[in-house]
N, C-alpha and C. Protein backbone atom coordinates (compact mmCIF):
# COMPACT_ATOMS: atom_id res chain seq x y z
N MET A 1 64.24 188.64 94.68
CA MET A 1 64.87 188.37 93.47
C MET A 1 65.70 189.46 93.14
N THR A 2 66.95 189.23 92.64
CA THR A 2 67.89 190.25 92.27
C THR A 2 68.20 190.17 90.78
N THR A 3 68.26 191.33 90.05
CA THR A 3 68.63 191.22 88.63
C THR A 3 70.03 191.52 88.55
N ALA A 4 70.54 191.26 87.31
CA ALA A 4 71.98 191.58 86.91
C ALA A 4 72.29 193.08 87.05
N GLY A 5 71.26 193.88 87.03
CA GLY A 5 71.43 195.41 87.12
C GLY A 5 71.30 195.83 88.54
N ASP A 6 71.53 194.85 89.47
CA ASP A 6 71.53 195.27 90.98
C ASP A 6 70.26 195.94 91.50
N VAL A 7 69.15 195.37 90.96
CA VAL A 7 67.88 195.74 91.50
C VAL A 7 67.28 194.48 92.20
N VAL A 8 66.75 194.76 93.46
CA VAL A 8 66.02 193.74 94.17
C VAL A 8 64.62 193.91 94.18
N PHE A 9 63.88 192.89 93.79
CA PHE A 9 62.33 192.98 93.80
C PHE A 9 61.79 192.13 94.94
N GLN A 10 60.94 192.81 95.71
CA GLN A 10 60.40 192.16 96.94
C GLN A 10 58.91 192.32 96.97
N ALA A 11 58.23 191.23 97.33
CA ALA A 11 56.74 191.36 97.35
C ALA A 11 56.23 190.55 98.53
N ALA A 12 57.11 189.74 99.23
CA ALA A 12 56.49 188.81 100.31
C ALA A 12 56.39 189.70 101.56
N THR A 13 55.50 190.66 101.52
CA THR A 13 55.33 191.57 102.73
C THR A 13 53.88 191.42 103.13
N ALA A 14 53.57 192.20 104.18
CA ALA A 14 52.26 192.22 104.81
C ALA A 14 51.31 193.17 104.17
N ASP A 15 51.56 193.55 102.90
CA ASP A 15 50.65 194.43 102.15
C ASP A 15 50.51 193.89 100.74
N ASN A 16 49.86 194.65 99.93
CA ASN A 16 49.63 194.25 98.57
C ASN A 16 50.57 194.84 97.50
N PHE A 17 51.74 195.23 97.89
CA PHE A 17 52.74 195.87 97.00
C PHE A 17 53.95 195.05 96.61
N ILE A 18 54.39 195.34 95.48
CA ILE A 18 55.71 194.86 94.97
C ILE A 18 56.61 196.07 94.91
N ARG A 19 57.85 195.89 95.35
CA ARG A 19 58.79 197.00 95.35
C ARG A 19 60.13 196.64 94.81
N ALA A 20 60.80 197.63 94.23
CA ALA A 20 62.17 197.44 93.74
C ALA A 20 63.15 198.35 94.48
N TYR A 21 64.28 197.79 94.86
CA TYR A 21 65.24 198.63 95.66
C TYR A 21 66.64 198.52 94.96
N ASP A 22 67.39 199.54 95.15
CA ASP A 22 68.86 199.57 94.68
C ASP A 22 69.51 198.68 95.66
N VAL A 23 70.25 197.60 95.20
CA VAL A 23 70.98 196.70 96.04
C VAL A 23 72.14 197.44 96.67
N ASN A 24 72.66 198.45 96.17
CA ASN A 24 73.88 199.03 96.63
C ASN A 24 73.65 200.03 97.77
N ASN A 25 72.45 200.68 97.83
CA ASN A 25 72.16 201.53 98.94
C ASN A 25 70.78 201.36 99.59
N GLY A 26 69.98 200.49 99.13
CA GLY A 26 68.73 200.22 99.73
C GLY A 26 67.62 201.16 99.39
N LYS A 27 67.83 202.18 98.50
CA LYS A 27 66.97 203.11 98.07
C LYS A 27 65.77 202.46 97.33
N LEU A 28 64.49 202.89 97.72
CA LEU A 28 63.38 202.44 97.06
C LEU A 28 63.26 203.14 95.70
N LEU A 29 63.24 202.28 94.60
CA LEU A 29 63.29 202.79 93.28
C LEU A 29 61.93 202.80 92.66
N TRP A 30 60.98 201.91 93.02
CA TRP A 30 59.68 201.73 92.49
C TRP A 30 58.83 200.93 93.34
N GLU A 31 57.47 201.18 93.25
CA GLU A 31 56.56 200.29 93.95
C GLU A 31 55.28 200.39 93.24
N ASN A 32 54.46 199.26 93.33
CA ASN A 32 53.17 199.18 92.61
C ASN A 32 52.23 198.30 93.47
N GLU A 33 50.97 198.72 93.59
CA GLU A 33 50.06 197.93 94.27
C GLU A 33 49.54 196.72 93.40
N LEU A 34 49.62 195.61 94.00
CA LEU A 34 49.08 194.34 93.21
C LEU A 34 47.57 194.23 93.45
N PRO A 35 46.90 193.44 92.63
CA PRO A 35 45.45 193.25 92.79
C PRO A 35 45.07 192.45 93.99
N ALA A 36 46.09 191.73 94.53
CA ALA A 36 45.91 190.91 95.79
C ALA A 36 47.34 190.87 96.44
N GLY A 37 47.41 190.26 97.68
CA GLY A 37 48.71 190.23 98.24
C GLY A 37 49.71 189.37 97.45
N GLY A 38 50.95 189.87 97.49
CA GLY A 38 51.97 189.22 96.66
C GLY A 38 52.86 188.40 97.58
N GLN A 39 52.34 187.54 98.38
CA GLN A 39 53.11 186.68 99.23
C GLN A 39 53.85 185.57 98.58
N ALA A 40 54.71 185.98 97.65
CA ALA A 40 55.31 184.98 96.79
C ALA A 40 56.69 185.59 96.36
N THR A 41 57.64 184.78 95.87
CA THR A 41 58.92 185.31 95.39
C THR A 41 58.70 185.66 93.85
N PRO A 42 59.08 186.96 93.58
CA PRO A 42 59.08 187.30 92.11
C PRO A 42 60.11 186.53 91.35
N SER A 43 59.82 186.43 90.09
CA SER A 43 60.66 185.67 89.09
C SER A 43 60.91 186.54 87.96
N THR A 44 61.82 186.19 87.13
CA THR A 44 62.16 186.93 85.92
C THR A 44 62.29 186.07 84.69
N TYR A 45 61.93 186.55 83.55
CA TYR A 45 62.21 185.88 82.25
C TYR A 45 62.47 186.86 81.08
N MET A 46 63.07 186.39 80.03
CA MET A 46 63.29 187.12 78.89
C MET A 46 62.11 186.77 77.92
N GLY A 47 61.39 187.89 77.48
CA GLY A 47 60.27 187.72 76.61
C GLY A 47 60.71 187.53 75.15
N ALA A 48 59.67 187.16 74.33
CA ALA A 48 60.00 186.99 72.90
C ALA A 48 60.38 188.30 72.29
N ASP A 49 60.04 189.45 72.93
CA ASP A 49 60.38 190.73 72.36
C ASP A 49 61.84 191.17 72.74
N ASN A 50 62.60 190.20 73.46
CA ASN A 50 63.89 190.51 73.95
C ASN A 50 63.96 191.48 75.10
N LYS A 51 62.93 191.68 75.81
CA LYS A 51 62.85 192.50 77.02
C LYS A 51 62.76 191.64 78.18
N GLN A 52 63.24 192.11 79.34
CA GLN A 52 63.24 191.29 80.60
C GLN A 52 61.89 191.68 81.33
N TYR A 53 61.32 190.63 81.91
CA TYR A 53 60.06 190.79 82.66
C TYR A 53 60.30 190.28 84.11
N VAL A 54 59.51 190.90 84.94
CA VAL A 54 59.51 190.38 86.40
C VAL A 54 58.00 190.01 86.48
N VAL A 55 57.74 188.75 87.06
CA VAL A 55 56.42 188.24 87.18
C VAL A 55 56.27 187.83 88.70
N ILE A 56 54.97 187.99 89.11
CA ILE A 56 54.69 187.66 90.52
C ILE A 56 53.22 187.04 90.61
N ALA A 57 53.00 186.15 91.35
CA ALA A 57 51.67 185.59 91.71
C ALA A 57 51.10 186.34 92.80
N ALA A 58 49.98 186.92 92.61
CA ALA A 58 49.23 187.71 93.63
C ALA A 58 48.02 186.93 94.07
N GLY A 59 48.22 186.08 95.08
CA GLY A 59 47.10 185.26 95.55
C GLY A 59 46.57 185.65 96.87
N GLY A 60 47.33 186.51 97.63
CA GLY A 60 46.96 186.95 98.94
C GLY A 60 47.25 185.87 99.98
N HIS A 61 46.95 186.23 101.21
CA HIS A 61 47.22 185.35 102.36
C HIS A 61 46.29 185.76 103.49
N GLY A 62 45.31 184.73 103.76
CA GLY A 62 44.33 185.10 104.76
C GLY A 62 44.81 185.42 106.15
N SER A 63 45.95 184.60 106.56
CA SER A 63 46.49 184.97 107.94
C SER A 63 47.20 186.22 107.99
N LEU A 64 47.65 186.80 106.93
CA LEU A 64 48.29 188.09 107.02
C LEU A 64 47.25 189.31 106.82
N GLY A 65 46.13 188.94 106.32
CA GLY A 65 45.03 189.91 106.10
C GLY A 65 45.21 190.74 104.94
N THR A 66 45.97 190.08 103.85
CA THR A 66 46.03 190.83 102.60
C THR A 66 44.83 190.31 101.76
N LYS A 67 44.56 191.14 100.75
CA LYS A 67 43.35 190.76 99.93
C LYS A 67 43.78 189.51 99.16
N THR A 68 42.74 188.59 99.05
CA THR A 68 43.02 187.37 98.30
C THR A 68 42.70 187.55 96.89
N GLY A 69 43.23 186.71 95.95
CA GLY A 69 42.95 186.81 94.58
C GLY A 69 43.59 185.69 93.79
N ASP A 70 43.56 185.75 92.54
CA ASP A 70 44.18 184.75 91.67
C ASP A 70 44.82 185.36 90.44
N ALA A 71 45.66 186.43 90.68
CA ALA A 71 46.24 187.02 89.50
C ALA A 71 47.80 186.65 89.40
N VAL A 72 48.23 186.73 88.12
CA VAL A 72 49.70 186.68 87.86
C VAL A 72 50.02 187.93 87.17
N VAL A 73 50.91 188.68 87.61
CA VAL A 73 51.13 190.07 87.11
C VAL A 73 52.60 190.15 86.53
N ALA A 74 52.72 190.67 85.34
CA ALA A 74 54.14 190.79 84.81
C ALA A 74 54.39 192.22 84.46
N TYR A 75 55.67 192.65 84.75
CA TYR A 75 56.09 194.03 84.60
C TYR A 75 57.34 193.97 83.59
N ARG A 76 57.30 194.76 82.55
CA ARG A 76 58.47 194.79 81.69
C ARG A 76 59.50 195.77 82.24
N LEU A 77 60.72 195.42 82.23
CA LEU A 77 61.76 196.32 82.65
C LEU A 77 62.27 197.16 81.50
N LYS A 78 62.72 198.37 81.72
CA LYS A 78 63.19 199.10 80.72
C LYS A 78 64.59 198.79 80.23
């Protein structure tokens, strides 16, 4: 998922992390460990507080060996 600010969020990896990259140079800007594997596409929305959020379902994936769970995690962007 790419934001208007040229940040790419990626979480469909073989670990339990969500990461943000600069779309212009590929530099890792941020990462955070999810409570379970984030084998899903992140999404974004504008909250009632007029702030942008990135949300990801963290359910894990047995075949990839990531931790399974049933969390939905949201991060507020600055």
